[in-house]
N, C-alpha and C. Protein backbone atom coordinates (compact mmCIF):
# COMPACT_ATOMS: atom_id res chain seq x y z
N MET A 1 0.85 -1.18 0.00
CA MET A 1 0.00 0.00 0.00
C MET A 1 0.89 1.25 0.00
N MET A 2 0.51 2.24 -0.78
CA MET A 2 1.28 3.46 -0.92
C MET A 2 1.00 4.39 0.25
N SER A 3 2.06 5.03 0.76
CA SER A 3 1.86 5.97 1.87
C SER A 3 1.14 7.22 1.35
N PRO A 4 0.43 7.93 2.21
CA PRO A 4 -0.28 9.15 1.78
C PRO A 4 0.64 10.20 1.16
N VAL A 5 1.87 10.31 1.67
CA VAL A 5 2.81 11.29 1.14
C VAL A 5 3.21 10.92 -0.29
N VAL A 6 3.53 9.67 -0.51
CA VAL A 6 3.91 9.20 -1.85
C VAL A 6 2.72 9.32 -2.80
N ALA A 7 1.55 8.96 -2.33
CA ALA A 7 0.35 9.05 -3.17
C ALA A 7 0.08 10.49 -3.57
N ASP A 8 0.25 11.43 -2.63
CA ASP A 8 0.03 12.85 -2.95
C ASP A 8 1.06 13.33 -3.96
N TYR A 9 2.33 12.96 -3.78
CA TYR A 9 3.38 13.34 -4.72
C TYR A 9 3.09 12.78 -6.10
N THR A 10 2.72 11.52 -6.16
CA THR A 10 2.42 10.87 -7.44
C THR A 10 1.24 11.56 -8.12
N SER A 11 0.23 11.87 -7.36
CA SER A 11 -0.95 12.54 -7.90
C SER A 11 -0.59 13.91 -8.49
N ARG A 12 0.21 14.66 -7.74
CA ARG A 12 0.63 15.99 -8.23
C ARG A 12 1.52 15.86 -9.45
N HIS A 13 2.40 14.87 -9.46
CA HIS A 13 3.31 14.65 -10.58
C HIS A 13 2.51 14.33 -11.85
N VAL A 14 1.54 13.44 -11.74
CA VAL A 14 0.70 13.08 -12.88
C VAL A 14 -0.10 14.30 -13.33
N SER A 15 -0.63 15.05 -12.37
CA SER A 15 -1.41 16.23 -12.70
C SER A 15 -0.55 17.27 -13.43
N CYS A 16 0.67 17.42 -13.00
CA CYS A 16 1.59 18.37 -13.64
C CYS A 16 1.83 17.98 -15.09
N TRP A 17 2.12 16.71 -15.33
CA TRP A 17 2.37 16.25 -16.70
C TRP A 17 1.11 16.33 -17.55
N SER A 18 -0.02 16.06 -16.95
CA SER A 18 -1.29 16.15 -17.67
C SER A 18 -1.55 17.60 -18.09
N THR A 19 -1.28 18.52 -17.18
CA THR A 19 -1.45 19.94 -17.48
C THR A 19 -0.49 20.38 -18.58
N ALA A 20 0.75 19.96 -18.49
CA ALA A 20 1.75 20.32 -19.51
C ALA A 20 1.37 19.75 -20.86
N ARG A 21 0.92 18.52 -20.88
CA ARG A 21 0.51 17.89 -22.14
C ARG A 21 -0.67 18.65 -22.76
N SER A 22 -1.62 19.06 -21.94
CA SER A 22 -2.77 19.83 -22.42
C SER A 22 -2.34 21.18 -22.98
N LEU A 23 -1.40 21.81 -22.29
CA LEU A 23 -0.91 23.11 -22.73
C LEU A 23 -0.20 22.99 -24.08
N PHE A 24 0.66 21.99 -24.23
CA PHE A 24 1.35 21.78 -25.50
C PHE A 24 0.36 21.48 -26.63
N ALA A 25 -0.67 20.71 -26.33
CA ALA A 25 -1.69 20.40 -27.34
C ALA A 25 -2.42 21.67 -27.77
N GLU A 26 -2.71 22.53 -26.81
CA GLU A 26 -3.39 23.80 -27.11
C GLU A 26 -2.50 24.69 -27.98
N TRP A 27 -1.22 24.76 -27.64
CA TRP A 27 -0.29 25.55 -28.44
C TRP A 27 -0.18 25.01 -29.86
N GLN A 28 -0.12 23.71 -30.00
CA GLN A 28 -0.03 23.09 -31.32
C GLN A 28 -1.30 23.41 -32.13
N GLN A 29 -2.44 23.39 -31.48
CA GLN A 29 -3.70 23.71 -32.15
C GLN A 29 -3.70 25.15 -32.65
N ARG A 30 -3.17 26.05 -31.85
CA ARG A 30 -3.08 27.46 -32.27
C ARG A 30 -2.19 27.61 -33.49
N VAL A 31 -1.04 26.95 -33.46
CA VAL A 31 -0.12 27.00 -34.60
C VAL A 31 -0.81 26.48 -35.85
N GLN A 32 -1.47 25.35 -35.73
CA GLN A 32 -2.17 24.74 -36.88
C GLN A 32 -3.29 25.64 -37.39
N SER A 33 -4.07 26.20 -36.49
CA SER A 33 -5.19 27.07 -36.89
C SER A 33 -4.68 28.30 -37.62
N ARG A 34 -3.63 28.89 -37.10
CA ARG A 34 -3.07 30.09 -37.73
C ARG A 34 -2.45 29.77 -39.09
N PHE A 35 -1.85 28.61 -39.19
CA PHE A 35 -1.30 28.16 -40.47
C PHE A 35 -2.44 28.02 -41.50
N GLU A 36 -3.55 27.44 -41.08
CA GLU A 36 -4.69 27.26 -41.98
C GLU A 36 -5.33 28.59 -42.34
N LEU A 37 -5.39 29.52 -41.42
CA LEU A 37 -5.96 30.84 -41.71
C LEU A 37 -5.21 31.52 -42.86
N GLU A 38 -3.90 31.39 -42.87
CA GLU A 38 -3.09 32.03 -43.91
C GLU A 38 -3.43 31.51 -45.30
N ARG A 39 -3.93 30.32 -45.36
CA ARG A 39 -4.18 29.68 -46.65
C ARG A 39 -5.62 29.79 -47.15
N LEU A 40 -6.45 30.55 -46.44
CA LEU A 40 -7.84 30.71 -46.86
C LEU A 40 -7.91 31.60 -48.09
N SER A 41 -8.86 31.31 -48.94
CA SER A 41 -9.07 32.13 -50.13
C SER A 41 -9.80 33.43 -49.75
N GLU A 42 -9.78 34.36 -50.67
CA GLU A 42 -10.49 35.63 -50.43
C GLU A 42 -11.98 35.37 -50.23
N ARG A 43 -12.51 34.42 -50.95
CA ARG A 43 -13.93 34.08 -50.80
C ARG A 43 -14.22 33.53 -49.40
N ASP A 44 -13.35 32.64 -48.93
CA ASP A 44 -13.52 32.10 -47.58
C ASP A 44 -13.46 33.21 -46.54
N LEU A 45 -12.51 34.12 -46.72
CA LEU A 45 -12.39 35.24 -45.77
C LEU A 45 -13.65 36.11 -45.79
N ALA A 46 -14.18 36.37 -46.99
CA ALA A 46 -15.40 37.18 -47.10
C ALA A 46 -16.56 36.47 -46.42
N ASP A 47 -16.66 35.16 -46.58
CA ASP A 47 -17.73 34.39 -45.93
C ASP A 47 -17.65 34.51 -44.41
N MET A 48 -16.44 34.59 -43.89
CA MET A 48 -16.26 34.69 -42.44
C MET A 48 -16.17 36.13 -41.97
N ARG A 49 -16.30 37.05 -42.92
CA ARG A 49 -16.21 38.48 -42.63
C ARG A 49 -14.87 38.84 -41.97
N LEU A 50 -13.80 38.30 -42.54
CA LEU A 50 -12.45 38.59 -42.07
C LEU A 50 -11.67 39.26 -43.18
N THR A 51 -10.69 40.05 -42.80
CA THR A 51 -9.82 40.70 -43.78
C THR A 51 -8.43 40.09 -43.71
N ARG A 52 -7.66 40.32 -44.75
CA ARG A 52 -6.27 39.84 -44.76
C ARG A 52 -5.48 40.47 -43.61
N LEU A 53 -5.78 41.73 -43.29
CA LEU A 53 -5.09 42.39 -42.19
C LEU A 53 -5.39 41.69 -40.86
N GLU A 54 -6.62 41.29 -40.64
CA GLU A 54 -6.97 40.56 -39.42
C GLU A 54 -6.25 39.21 -39.36
N ILE A 55 -6.18 38.55 -40.51
CA ILE A 55 -5.47 37.27 -40.57
C ILE A 55 -3.98 37.49 -40.31
N PHE A 56 -3.42 38.54 -40.91
CA PHE A 56 -2.01 38.85 -40.70
C PHE A 56 -1.74 39.08 -39.21
N ASP A 57 -2.59 39.88 -38.57
CA ASP A 57 -2.42 40.15 -37.13
C ASP A 57 -2.49 38.87 -36.31
N GLU A 58 -3.43 38.00 -36.64
CA GLU A 58 -3.60 36.75 -35.90
C GLU A 58 -2.41 35.82 -36.09
N THR A 59 -1.92 35.72 -37.30
CA THR A 59 -0.83 34.77 -37.57
C THR A 59 0.51 35.25 -37.05
N ARG A 60 0.63 36.52 -36.72
CA ARG A 60 1.88 37.05 -36.18
C ARG A 60 1.96 36.92 -34.66
N LYS A 61 0.89 36.47 -34.02
CA LYS A 61 0.91 36.28 -32.58
C LYS A 61 1.79 35.08 -32.23
N PRO A 62 2.46 35.16 -31.09
CA PRO A 62 3.22 33.99 -30.63
C PRO A 62 2.25 32.84 -30.29
N PHE A 63 2.71 31.61 -30.41
CA PHE A 63 1.84 30.46 -30.21
C PHE A 63 1.24 30.40 -28.82
N TRP A 64 1.88 31.00 -27.84
CA TRP A 64 1.36 30.94 -26.48
C TRP A 64 0.30 32.01 -26.21
N GLN A 65 0.09 32.92 -27.16
CA GLN A 65 -0.88 33.99 -26.98
C GLN A 65 -2.18 33.64 -27.68
N GLU A 66 -3.29 33.86 -26.96
CA GLU A 66 -4.61 33.58 -27.55
C GLU A 66 -4.97 34.64 -28.56
């Protein structure tokens, strides 16, 4: 049987890695989304009511920034 101290450490360790994994996945999603935005046609942008300047501003953000 695991001691309460070890169990708490293990729980926090797993939680930390889970949080880090989620954060990296979110960052990767932002990179992918911004990459796809750059490749939209003018028609697609018009359908979404976006301008090239808005896309430019979004794609220049660092991956960690929403």
